[in-house]
Amino acid sequence: QVQLQEPGGGLMQTGGSLRLSCAASGSIFSINTMGWYRQAPGKEREFVASITNGGRLLFADSVRGRTVISKDNKNNILLLEMHDLRLEDSAVYYCAAGEQPFSWGQGTQVTVSS
């Protein structure tokens, strides 16, 4: 089973940008769908964005238009870029493998402040 790790995260300002990477211990080439989720304090984990090997992209309404997701199959890395950060983007961000995720990273904290 692929192991996922998300270094990065940290404290950011409103209007700024974040770039998160997810490194997989094994090959992600065969994993058709990979995605990002997030969980804010007191809230359920929610979907952020996903990408398939066929290039299909899905975004949550709250991040669409200001978010880029990409998958580097050669280096087994999943990337997330989010721009125009808002206070409500503060959350623990998780990368996940599978359309119905079967493997999760440990999560990385993103805090957006004004």
C-alpha atoms as a PDB file:
ATOM      1  CA  GLN A   1       0.000   0.000   0.000  1.00  0.00           C
ATOM      2  CA  VAL A   2       1.351   3.402  -0.893  1.00  0.00           C
ATOM      3  CA  GLN A   3       2.424   5.623   1.980  1.00  0.00           C
ATOM      4  CA  LEU A   4       1.801   9.342   1.673  1.00  0.00           C
ATOM      5  CA  GLN A   5       3.514  12.256   3.371  1.00  0.00           C
ATOM      6  CA  GLU A   6       2.752  15.942   3.126  1.00  0.00           C
ATOM      7  CA  PRO A   7       5.596  18.192   4.202  1.00  0.00           C
ATOM      8  CA  GLY A   8       4.970  21.891   4.016  1.00  0.00           C
ATOM      9  CA  GLY A   9       2.055  23.889   5.267  1.00  0.00           C
ATOM     10  CA  GLY A  10       2.557  26.621   7.810  1.00  0.00           C
ATOM     11  CA  LEU A  11       1.354  30.146   8.513  1.00  0.00           C
ATOM     12  CA  MET A  12       0.202  32.234   5.580  1.00  0.00           C
ATOM     13  CA  GLN A  13      -1.570  35.519   5.027  1.00  0.00           C
ATOM     14  CA  THR A  14      -4.882  36.235   3.416  1.00  0.00           C
ATOM     15  CA  GLY A  15      -4.486  36.903  -0.255  1.00  0.00           C
ATOM     16  CA  GLY A  16      -1.327  34.858  -0.398  1.00  0.00           C
ATOM     17  CA  SER A  17      -0.603  31.474  -1.892  1.00  0.00           C
ATOM     18  CA  LEU A  18       0.254  28.041  -0.659  1.00  0.00           C
ATOM     19  CA  ARG A  19       1.984  25.138  -2.293  1.00  0.00           C
ATOM     20  CA  LEU A  20       1.656  21.700  -0.802  1.00  0.00           C
ATOM     21  CA  SER A  21       3.374  18.572  -1.962  1.00  0.00           C
ATOM     22  CA  CYS A  22       2.571  14.967  -1.206  1.00  0.00           C
ATOM     23  CA  ALA A  23       5.314  12.421  -1.578  1.00  0.00           C
ATOM     24  CA  ALA A  24       4.390   8.783  -2.099  1.00  0.00           C
ATOM     25  CA  SER A  25       6.566   5.930  -0.936  1.00  0.00           C
ATOM     26  CA  GLY A  26       5.624   3.865  -3.954  1.00  0.00           C
ATOM     27  CA  SER A  27       4.513   4.394  -7.481  1.00  0.00           C
ATOM     28  CA  ILE A  28       1.387   6.474  -7.935  1.00  0.00           C
ATOM     29  CA  PHE A  29       1.260   5.835 -11.647  1.00  0.00           C
ATOM     30  CA  SER A  30      -1.249   3.034 -11.233  1.00  0.00           C
ATOM     31  CA  ILE A  31      -3.428   5.020  -8.868  1.00  0.00           C
ATOM     32  CA  ASN A  32      -6.004   6.589 -11.150  1.00  0.00           C
ATOM     33  CA  THR A  33      -7.283   9.208  -8.746  1.00  0.00           C
ATOM     34  CA  MET A  34      -5.431  11.214  -6.160  1.00  0.00           C
ATOM     35  CA  GLY A  35      -6.744  14.129  -4.240  1.00  0.00           C
ATOM     36  CA  TRP A  36      -6.534  16.649  -1.455  1.00  0.00           C
ATOM     37  CA  TYR A  37      -8.891  16.998   1.468  1.00  0.00           C
ATOM     38  CA  ARG A  38      -8.924  19.310   4.448  1.00  0.00           C
ATOM     39  CA  GLN A  39     -10.385  19.446   7.912  1.00  0.00           C
ATOM     40  CA  ALA A  40     -10.921  22.605   9.884  1.00  0.00           C
ATOM     41  CA  PRO A  41     -11.380  22.558  13.667  1.00  0.00           C
ATOM     42  CA  GLY A  42     -14.848  21.391  14.605  1.00  0.00           C
ATOM     43  CA  LYS A  43     -15.710  20.454  11.039  1.00  0.00           C
ATOM     44  CA  GLU A  44     -15.761  17.266   9.034  1.00  0.00           C
ATOM     45  CA  ARG A  45     -13.068  16.452   6.539  1.00  0.00           C
ATOM     46  CA  GLU A  46     -14.000  17.883   3.161  1.00  0.00           C
ATOM     47  CA  PHE A  47     -12.927  17.328  -0.397  1.00  0.00           C
ATOM     48  CA  VAL A  48     -10.704  19.996  -1.949  1.00  0.00           C
ATOM     49  CA  ALA A  49      -9.531  18.752  -5.344  1.00  0.00           C
ATOM     50  CA  SER A  50      -8.674  15.613  -7.258  1.00  0.00           C
ATOM     51  CA  ILE A  51      -6.933  14.554 -10.430  1.00  0.00           C
ATOM     52  CA  THR A  52      -7.056  11.389 -12.499  1.00  0.00           C
ATOM     53  CA  ASN A  53      -4.486   9.879 -14.812  1.00  0.00           C
ATOM     54  CA  GLY A  54      -6.783  10.835 -17.638  1.00  0.00           C
ATOM     55  CA  GLY A  55      -6.493  14.465 -16.620  1.00  0.00           C
ATOM     56  CA  ARG A  56      -9.933  14.850 -15.131  1.00  0.00           C
ATOM     57  CA  LEU A  57      -9.899  17.588 -12.497  1.00  0.00           C
ATOM     58  CA  LEU A  58     -12.468  18.139  -9.793  1.00  0.00           C
ATOM     59  CA  PHE A  59     -12.581  21.037  -7.364  1.00  0.00           C
ATOM     60  CA  ALA A  60     -14.711  22.000  -4.437  1.00  0.00           C
ATOM     61  CA  ASP A  61     -16.777  25.085  -5.143  1.00  0.00           C
ATOM     62  CA  SER A  62     -14.951  26.963  -2.413  1.00  0.00           C
ATOM     63  CA  VAL A  63     -11.566  26.620  -4.130  1.00  0.00           C
ATOM     64  CA  ARG A  64     -12.435  26.427  -7.809  1.00  0.00           C
ATOM     65  CA  GLY A  65     -10.758  29.098  -9.885  1.00  0.00           C
ATOM     66  CA  ARG A  66      -7.926  29.671  -7.454  1.00  0.00           C
ATOM     67  CA  THR A  67      -6.530  26.168  -7.080  1.00  0.00           C
ATOM     68  CA  VAL A  68      -4.263  23.992  -9.176  1.00  0.00           C
ATOM     69  CA  ILE A  69      -3.727  20.284  -8.648  1.00  0.00           C
ATOM     70  CA  SER A  70      -1.090  18.310 -10.496  1.00  0.00           C
ATOM     71  CA  LYS A  71       0.392  14.826 -10.397  1.00  0.00           C
ATOM     72  CA  ASP A  72       4.004  13.993 -11.158  1.00  0.00           C
ATOM     73  CA  ASN A  73       3.941  10.290 -11.884  1.00  0.00           C
ATOM     74  CA  LYS A  74       7.666  10.153 -12.575  1.00  0.00           C
ATOM     75  CA  ASN A  75       8.597  11.443  -9.125  1.00  0.00           C
ATOM     76  CA  ASN A  76       5.500  10.128  -7.315  1.00  0.00           C
ATOM     77  CA  ILE A  77       4.426  13.561  -6.125  1.00  0.00           C
ATOM     78  CA  LEU A  78       1.020  15.172  -5.871  1.00  0.00           C
ATOM     79  CA  LEU A  79       0.959  18.961  -5.755  1.00  0.00           C
ATOM     80  CA  LEU A  80      -1.605  21.511  -4.662  1.00  0.00           C
ATOM     81  CA  GLU A  81      -1.371  25.220  -5.263  1.00  0.00           C
ATOM     82  CA  MET A  82      -3.961  27.559  -3.836  1.00  0.00           C
ATOM     83  CA  HIS A  83      -4.062  31.292  -4.381  1.00  0.00           C
ATOM     84  CA  ASP A  84      -5.980  34.201  -2.919  1.00  0.00           C
ATOM     85  CA  LEU A  85      -6.011  32.483   0.445  1.00  0.00           C
ATOM     86  CA  ARG A  86      -8.888  33.168   2.796  1.00  0.00           C
ATOM     87  CA  LEU A  87      -9.259  32.731   6.522  1.00  0.00           C
ATOM     88  CA  GLU A  88     -11.584  29.807   5.876  1.00  0.00           C
ATOM     89  CA  ASP A  89      -8.801  27.952   4.069  1.00  0.00           C
ATOM     90  CA  SER A  90      -7.184  27.285   7.438  1.00  0.00           C
ATOM     91  CA  ALA A  91      -7.274  23.555   8.035  1.00  0.00           C
ATOM     92  CA  VAL A  92      -5.250  20.395   8.176  1.00  0.00           C
ATOM     93  CA  TYR A  93      -4.684  19.338   4.591  1.00  0.00           C
ATOM     94  CA  TYR A  94      -4.458  15.685   3.643  1.00  0.00           C
ATOM     95  CA  CYS A  95      -3.492  14.013   0.428  1.00  0.00           C
ATOM     96  CA  ALA A  96      -5.260  10.813  -0.442  1.00  0.00           C
ATOM     97  CA  ALA A  97      -4.992   7.980  -2.907  1.00  0.00           C
ATOM     98  CA  GLY A  98      -8.023   6.576  -4.646  1.00  0.00           C
ATOM     99  CA  GLU A  99     -11.388   7.930  -5.662  1.00  0.00           C
ATOM    100  CA  GLN A 100     -12.710   6.421  -2.457  1.00  0.00           C
ATOM    101  CA  PRO A 101      -9.468   7.033  -0.611  1.00  0.00           C
ATOM    102  CA  PHE A 102      -7.690   3.933   0.599  1.00  0.00           C
ATOM    103  CA  SER A 103      -4.564   5.685   1.806  1.00  0.00           C
ATOM    104  CA  TRP A 104      -4.127   9.006   3.578  1.00  0.00           C
ATOM    105  CA  GLY A 105      -1.214  11.189   4.469  1.00  0.00           C
ATOM    106  CA  GLN A 106      -0.750  12.279   8.063  1.00  0.00           C
ATOM    107  CA  GLY A 107      -1.880  15.809   7.264  1.00  0.00           C
ATOM    108  CA  THR A 108      -0.203  19.190   7.355  1.00  0.00           C
ATOM    109  CA  GLN A 109      -1.499  22.284   9.125  1.00  0.00           C
ATOM    110  CA  VAL A 110      -2.217  25.387   7.091  1.00  0.00           C
ATOM    111  CA  THR A 111      -3.128  28.529   9.014  1.00  0.00           C
ATOM    112  CA  VAL A 112      -4.227  31.645   7.179  1.00  0.00           C
ATOM    113  CA  SER A 113      -4.204  34.909   9.092  1.00  0.00           C
ATOM    114  CA  SER A 114      -5.068  38.470   8.176  1.00  0.00           C
END
